[in-house]
Amino acid sequence: MNNNRFYSLNDYFKENFHEKIYKVSLDGGFTCPNRDGKVARGGCLFCSESGSGDFAGNKTKPINEQIEEQLELISGKFSQGKVIAYFQNFTNTYGDVEYLRKIFYEALNHPRVMGLAIGTRPDCLPEDVLNLLSEINEKYFLWVELGLQTIDEGVAKIINRGYKLKVYVDSALELKRRNIKVVTHLIIGLPEEGDRGTLEGAKLVNSVGSWGIKIHLLHILKNTPLAIYYKNKPFKVFQMNEYIDYVVDILEILNPNMVIHRLTGDGKKEDLIEPLWSLNKRAVLNGIHKRLKERETYQGRISNG
């Protein structure tokens, strides 16, 4: 285990590509079956108007142009070198497979793009899309992000997730069977989530062999269904120290080879209702590093994977 006591995405890149690699967030112009009525309306309870892609590119512009604009934004700290094209907001496999092929390869044809990250739902991976992903995976670096969020079916109903736990498990295992890297999203702080619920979720993420994980702090944002829910049915919001302890508990459970992509989350300052302490992201991350050291612990210490 490295000095950080967990296996970060930066560690993975340095170990496998011997360089720092950034992500550029793109908007492929997708919607979601949770918004257009196929599964539900209104989206997941926590989802913002931008489909949890508040920092992505402008969907009205071609993919290549979005990449150039995103590269310009990071040019001060990363003027050259390879990037991952990250299709982030909404459901990026929810569309005609030929359209998916067009935009994915458009991104891959950019000279600085070395691979793709594709955010999607586990119920939006039909056979033709899986075949396209397999084709890309054979030639390029690829990971697919699946929103699990919770393993509690009752909480899943509250947040309007729109699919059963088995759907996530089956999709994760199918992607793994095809040697496609899976990154699983878990959220800490969902309404009515039991005290140990997310820890049990981490064990499940281990069991399906997820390559990576994103651990999110639940953000209550303005103009979301969650903001209305919180106003009508206030629920516990984690304090920073509680959150830090919870993240460390999860890290101890995770397979030591799982790549840690995220340990908290970003919310726009002007949109954030709670928890306001999360705006100090550096303090949260420093607190996690400090707590790991204080507890003399590390990723995978009690892993069942």
Protein backbone atom coordinates (compact mmCIF):
# COMPACT_ATOMS: atom_id res chain seq x y z
CA MET A 1 0.00 0.00 0.00
CA ASN A 2 1.31 3.45 -0.89
CA ASN A 3 1.91 6.28 1.59
CA ASN A 4 -1.65 7.55 1.06
CA ARG A 5 -2.95 4.34 2.66
CA PHE A 6 -5.35 3.83 -0.26
CA TYR A 7 -5.01 3.14 -3.97
CA SER A 8 -5.98 6.34 -5.76
CA LEU A 9 -6.68 6.87 -9.45
CA ASN A 10 -3.51 8.97 -9.68
CA ASP A 11 -1.56 6.03 -8.24
CA TYR A 12 -3.09 3.76 -10.88
CA PHE A 13 -2.19 6.13 -13.72
CA LYS A 14 1.39 6.55 -12.52
CA GLU A 15 1.80 2.81 -12.03
CA ASN A 16 0.34 1.84 -15.43
CA PHE A 17 1.05 4.83 -17.69
CA HIS A 18 3.93 6.49 -15.82
CA GLU A 19 2.35 9.92 -16.10
CA LYS A 20 -0.41 12.12 -14.76
CA ILE A 21 -3.66 11.89 -16.73
CA TYR A 22 -6.59 14.29 -16.44
CA LYS A 23 -10.27 13.85 -17.30
CA VAL A 24 -12.24 16.24 -19.48
CA SER A 25 -16.00 16.16 -18.86
CA LEU A 26 -18.26 16.09 -21.90
CA ASP A 27 -22.00 16.30 -22.51
CA GLY A 28 -23.22 13.89 -25.18
CA GLY A 29 -26.73 15.36 -25.19
CA PHE A 30 -28.35 12.41 -23.43
CA THR A 31 -31.34 12.22 -21.13
CA CYS A 32 -32.28 9.41 -18.74
CA PRO A 33 -35.09 6.83 -18.54
CA ASN A 34 -35.77 8.26 -15.10
CA ARG A 35 -36.61 11.61 -16.69
CA ASP A 36 -38.28 10.89 -20.02
CA GLY A 37 -40.97 8.61 -18.63
CA LYS A 38 -39.62 5.24 -19.74
CA VAL A 39 -38.95 4.35 -16.08
CA ALA A 40 -40.04 7.47 -14.22
CA ARG A 41 -40.19 11.26 -14.31
CA GLY A 42 -38.13 13.83 -12.49
CA GLY A 43 -34.86 11.91 -12.28
CA CYS A 44 -33.19 10.53 -9.17
CA LEU A 45 -34.02 12.47 -6.02
CA PHE A 46 -30.52 13.99 -5.70
CA CYS A 47 -29.90 14.70 -9.39
CA SER A 48 -29.38 18.29 -10.53
CA GLU A 49 -30.84 19.83 -13.67
CA SER A 50 -27.58 19.05 -15.46
CA GLY A 51 -27.81 15.36 -14.60
CA SER A 52 -25.02 15.48 -12.01
CA GLY A 53 -22.67 16.91 -14.61
CA ASP A 54 -22.45 20.49 -13.39
CA PHE A 55 -18.90 20.92 -14.67
CA ALA A 56 -19.27 19.20 -18.05
CA GLY A 57 -19.06 20.72 -21.51
CA ASN A 58 -21.84 22.40 -23.48
CA LYS A 59 -24.09 19.83 -25.16
CA THR A 60 -24.94 22.23 -28.00
CA LYS A 61 -21.35 22.03 -29.23
CA PRO A 62 -19.65 19.17 -31.11
CA ILE A 63 -17.62 16.72 -29.01
CA ASN A 64 -14.31 17.88 -30.46
CA GLU A 65 -15.10 21.49 -29.62
CA GLN A 66 -16.11 20.54 -26.07
CA ILE A 67 -12.79 18.73 -25.64
CA GLU A 68 -10.86 21.80 -26.82
CA GLU A 69 -12.78 24.04 -24.40
CA GLN A 70 -12.20 21.67 -21.50
CA LEU A 71 -8.49 21.44 -22.35
CA GLU A 72 -8.32 25.22 -22.32
CA LEU A 73 -9.82 25.27 -18.82
CA ILE A 74 -7.01 23.05 -17.49
CA SER A 75 -4.24 24.46 -19.66
CA GLY A 76 -2.70 26.39 -16.77
CA LYS A 77 -1.93 23.21 -14.84
CA PHE A 78 -1.93 20.65 -17.66
CA SER A 79 -0.93 22.15 -21.00
CA GLN A 80 0.10 18.88 -22.59
CA GLY A 81 -0.29 15.18 -21.95
CA LYS A 82 -3.07 12.63 -22.36
CA VAL A 83 -6.64 12.91 -21.08
CA ILE A 84 -9.65 10.68 -20.52
CA ALA A 85 -12.83 11.83 -22.29
CA TYR A 86 -15.48 11.55 -19.60
CA PHE A 87 -19.11 11.31 -20.71
CA GLN A 88 -20.53 12.31 -17.36
CA ASN A 89 -24.01 13.73 -17.04
CA PHE A 90 -27.28 11.85 -17.47
CA THR A 91 -27.15 8.31 -18.96
CA ASN A 92 -24.45 8.00 -21.59
CA THR A 93 -25.50 4.68 -23.09
CA TYR A 94 -29.17 5.63 -23.37
CA GLY A 95 -29.46 6.16 -27.09
CA ASP A 96 -29.14 4.63 -30.54
CA VAL A 97 -25.98 2.57 -30.75
CA GLU A 98 -24.85 4.29 -33.97
CA TYR A 99 -25.08 7.68 -32.27
CA LEU A 100 -23.05 6.28 -29.37
CA ARG A 101 -20.46 4.96 -31.81
CA LYS A 102 -20.26 8.38 -33.53
CA ILE A 103 -19.63 10.46 -30.41
CA PHE A 104 -17.40 7.95 -28.62
CA TYR A 105 -15.10 7.61 -31.61
CA GLU A 106 -15.18 11.36 -32.22
CA ALA A 107 -13.75 11.77 -28.73
CA LEU A 108 -11.22 8.97 -29.19
CA ASN A 109 -9.97 10.51 -32.44
CA HIS A 110 -8.79 13.64 -30.61
CA PRO A 111 -4.97 13.52 -30.45
CA ARG A 112 -4.82 14.03 -26.67
CA VAL A 113 -7.58 11.55 -25.75
CA MET A 114 -6.23 8.15 -24.67
CA GLY A 115 -9.47 6.58 -23.49
CA LEU A 116 -13.07 6.96 -22.34
CA ALA A 117 -14.98 7.03 -19.08
CA ILE A 118 -18.70 6.51 -19.58
CA GLY A 119 -21.26 7.18 -16.86
CA THR A 120 -24.48 5.22 -17.18
CA ARG A 121 -27.21 3.23 -15.44
CA PRO A 122 -27.03 -0.56 -15.15
CA ASP A 123 -30.46 -0.85 -16.79
CA CYS A 124 -29.21 0.91 -19.95
CA LEU A 125 -26.73 -1.65 -21.28
CA PRO A 126 -28.47 -3.66 -24.05
CA GLU A 127 -26.51 -6.23 -26.03
CA ASP A 128 -25.68 -3.94 -28.97
CA VAL A 129 -24.28 -1.29 -26.60
CA LEU A 130 -22.30 -3.90 -24.69
CA ASN A 131 -20.84 -5.10 -28.00
CA LEU A 132 -19.80 -1.54 -28.88
CA LEU A 133 -18.17 -1.12 -25.46
CA SER A 134 -16.34 -4.44 -25.93
CA GLU A 135 -15.09 -3.26 -29.33
CA ILE A 136 -13.79 0.01 -27.85
CA ASN A 137 -12.29 -1.80 -24.88
CA GLU A 138 -10.20 -4.01 -27.17
CA LYS A 139 -8.50 -0.97 -28.72
CA TYR A 140 -8.58 1.77 -26.09
CA PHE A 141 -8.54 2.37 -22.35
CA LEU A 142 -12.11 2.32 -21.04
CA TRP A 143 -14.08 2.26 -17.85
CA VAL A 144 -17.86 2.30 -17.34
CA GLU A 145 -19.42 3.96 -14.29
CA LEU A 146 -22.54 2.44 -12.74
CA GLY A 147 -24.70 4.27 -10.23
CA LEU A 148 -25.48 1.83 -7.43
CA GLN A 149 -25.85 4.52 -4.71
CA THR A 150 -27.43 2.13 -2.17
CA ILE A 151 -28.13 -1.59 -1.70
CA ASP A 152 -31.26 -0.87 0.37
CA GLU A 153 -34.30 -1.39 -1.88
CA GLY A 154 -36.40 0.84 0.37
CA VAL A 155 -33.91 3.71 0.08
CA ALA A 156 -33.66 3.04 -3.67
CA LYS A 157 -37.42 3.70 -3.92
CA ILE A 158 -37.12 6.93 -1.95
CA ILE A 159 -34.41 8.23 -4.27
CA ASN A 160 -36.35 7.08 -7.37
CA ARG A 161 -33.45 4.96 -8.63
CA GLY A 162 -35.74 2.98 -10.87
CA TYR A 163 -34.09 -0.46 -10.92
CA LYS A 164 -33.58 -3.39 -8.56
CA LEU A 165 -30.28 -4.30 -6.96
CA LYS A 166 -30.04 -7.43 -9.13
CA VAL A 167 -29.88 -5.23 -12.24
CA TYR A 168 -26.70 -3.59 -10.93
CA VAL A 169 -25.18 -6.95 -9.96
CA ASP A 170 -25.96 -8.54 -13.34
CA SER A 171 -24.63 -5.56 -15.31
CA ALA A 172 -21.45 -5.29 -13.25
CA LEU A 173 -20.75 -9.00 -13.68
CA GLU A 174 -21.45 -8.87 -17.43
CA LEU A 175 -19.07 -5.93 -17.91
CA LYS A 176 -16.44 -7.76 -15.87
CA ARG A 177 -16.97 -10.89 -18.00
CA ARG A 178 -16.15 -8.75 -21.02
CA ASN A 179 -13.01 -7.42 -19.26
CA ILE A 180 -14.50 -3.92 -19.13
CA LYS A 181 -13.54 -1.95 -16.04
CA VAL A 182 -16.45 -1.00 -13.77
CA VAL A 183 -16.49 2.00 -11.45
CA THR A 184 -19.33 1.88 -8.90
CA HIS A 185 -20.91 4.94 -7.29
CA LEU A 186 -21.99 4.82 -3.63
CA ILE A 187 -23.60 7.72 -1.76
CA ILE A 188 -23.18 8.36 1.97
CA GLY A 189 -26.01 10.17 3.73
CA LEU A 190 -29.11 9.12 1.79
CA PRO A 191 -32.43 9.59 3.63
CA GLU A 192 -33.41 6.59 5.79
CA GLU A 193 -30.18 4.74 4.99
CA GLY A 194 -29.30 2.58 8.00
CA ASP A 195 -26.15 3.30 9.98
CA ARG A 196 -24.27 0.43 8.33
CA GLY A 197 -26.02 0.44 4.98
CA THR A 198 -23.19 1.92 2.93
CA LEU A 199 -20.70 -0.46 4.54
CA GLU A 200 -22.78 -3.39 3.33
CA GLY A 201 -22.83 -1.69 -0.07
CA ALA A 202 -19.03 -1.61 -0.07
CA LYS A 203 -18.98 -5.38 0.55
CA LEU A 204 -21.25 -5.89 -2.45
CA VAL A 205 -19.00 -3.71 -4.62
CA ASN A 206 -16.14 -6.01 -3.60
CA SER A 207 -18.12 -9.12 -4.41
CA VAL A 208 -18.90 -8.14 -8.03
CA GLY A 209 -15.24 -7.34 -8.65
CA SER A 210 -15.69 -3.64 -9.35
CA TRP A 211 -12.39 -2.19 -10.64
CA GLY A 212 -13.01 1.19 -9.03
CA ILE A 213 -15.32 3.13 -6.76
CA LYS A 214 -16.59 6.66 -6.32
CA ILE A 215 -17.70 7.50 -2.78
CA HIS A 216 -20.01 10.51 -2.73
CA LEU A 217 -21.27 12.70 0.06
CA LEU A 218 -24.96 13.41 -0.47
CA HIS A 219 -25.37 17.04 -1.51
CA ILE A 220 -28.74 18.71 -1.08
CA LEU A 221 -28.90 21.12 -4.01
CA LYS A 222 -31.41 23.81 -4.89
CA ASN A 223 -33.92 23.01 -7.63
CA THR A 224 -33.76 19.25 -7.09
CA PRO A 225 -36.45 16.85 -5.85
CA LEU A 226 -34.15 16.21 -2.87
CA ALA A 227 -34.39 19.86 -1.79
CA ILE A 228 -38.20 19.54 -1.65
CA TYR A 229 -37.95 16.20 0.17
CA TYR A 230 -35.54 17.65 2.74
CA LYS A 231 -37.80 20.64 3.38
CA ASN A 232 -40.84 18.41 3.92
CA LYS A 233 -39.10 15.49 5.68
CA PRO A 234 -35.83 16.69 7.24
CA PHE A 235 -33.31 13.91 7.71
CA LYS A 236 -29.89 13.55 9.30
CA VAL A 237 -27.09 15.37 7.50
CA PHE A 238 -23.59 14.10 8.29
CA GLN A 239 -21.12 16.33 10.10
CA MET A 240 -17.63 16.41 8.66
CA ASN A 241 -16.04 14.21 11.34
CA GLU A 242 -18.83 11.64 10.98
CA TYR A 243 -18.37 11.54 7.24
CA ILE A 244 -14.60 11.16 7.54
CA ASP A 245 -14.99 8.21 9.92
CA TYR A 246 -17.51 6.59 7.59
CA VAL A 247 -15.22 6.90 4.57
CA VAL A 248 -12.36 5.32 6.53
CA ASP A 249 -14.67 2.46 7.58
CA ILE A 250 -15.52 1.88 3.90
CA LEU A 251 -11.88 2.00 2.79
CA GLU A 252 -11.01 -0.69 5.33
CA ILE A 253 -13.60 -2.98 3.72
CA LEU A 254 -12.68 -2.40 0.08
CA ASN A 255 -10.44 -4.76 -1.83
CA PRO A 256 -6.90 -3.29 -1.61
CA ASN A 257 -6.56 -3.39 -5.41
CA MET A 258 -9.75 -1.41 -6.05
CA VAL A 259 -9.04 2.02 -7.54
CA ILE A 260 -10.40 4.89 -5.45
CA HIS A 261 -11.69 7.53 -7.87
CA ARG A 262 -13.44 9.80 -5.39
CA LEU A 263 -13.77 10.22 -1.62
CA THR A 264 -16.24 13.09 -1.45
CA GLY A 265 -18.13 15.21 -3.99
CA ASP A 266 -18.42 18.60 -5.62
CA GLY A 267 -21.44 20.86 -5.43
CA LYS A 268 -21.75 24.36 -6.82
CA LYS A 269 -21.52 26.87 -3.98
CA GLU A 270 -24.50 28.85 -5.20
CA ASP A 271 -26.69 25.71 -5.35
CA LEU A 272 -25.67 23.95 -2.14
CA ILE A 273 -28.17 23.80 0.74
CA GLU A 274 -26.45 21.16 2.91
CA PRO A 275 -23.89 20.20 4.09
CA LEU A 276 -22.10 23.54 3.78
CA TRP A 277 -18.87 22.19 5.26
CA SER A 278 -18.43 20.13 2.09
CA LEU A 279 -17.40 23.28 0.23
CA ASN A 280 -14.01 22.94 1.93
CA LYS A 281 -13.04 19.87 -0.06
CA ARG A 282 -9.38 20.14 0.91
CA ALA A 283 -10.27 19.95 4.61
CA VAL A 284 -12.38 16.84 4.00
CA LEU A 285 -9.62 15.04 2.08
CA ASN A 286 -6.95 16.10 4.57
CA GLY A 287 -9.22 14.84 7.34
CA ILE A 288 -9.53 11.42 5.69
CA HIS A 289 -5.74 11.13 5.33
CA LYS A 290 -5.30 12.19 8.96
CA ARG A 291 -7.91 9.75 10.25
CA LEU A 292 -6.35 6.84 8.37
CA LYS A 293 -3.03 7.67 10.01
CA GLU A 294 -4.56 8.14 13.47
CA ARG A 295 -6.30 4.79 13.25
CA GLU A 296 -3.20 3.16 11.77
CA THR A 297 -5.39 1.68 9.10
CA TYR A 298 -5.54 1.43 5.31
CA GLN A 299 -7.61 0.26 2.35
CA GLY A 300 -8.41 -3.43 2.56
CA ARG A 301 -7.43 -3.94 6.19
CA ILE A 302 -10.59 -5.95 6.83
CA SER A 303 -11.50 -6.65 3.22
CA ASN A 304 -13.67 -9.64 2.50
CA GLY A 305 -12.62 -9.42 -1.14
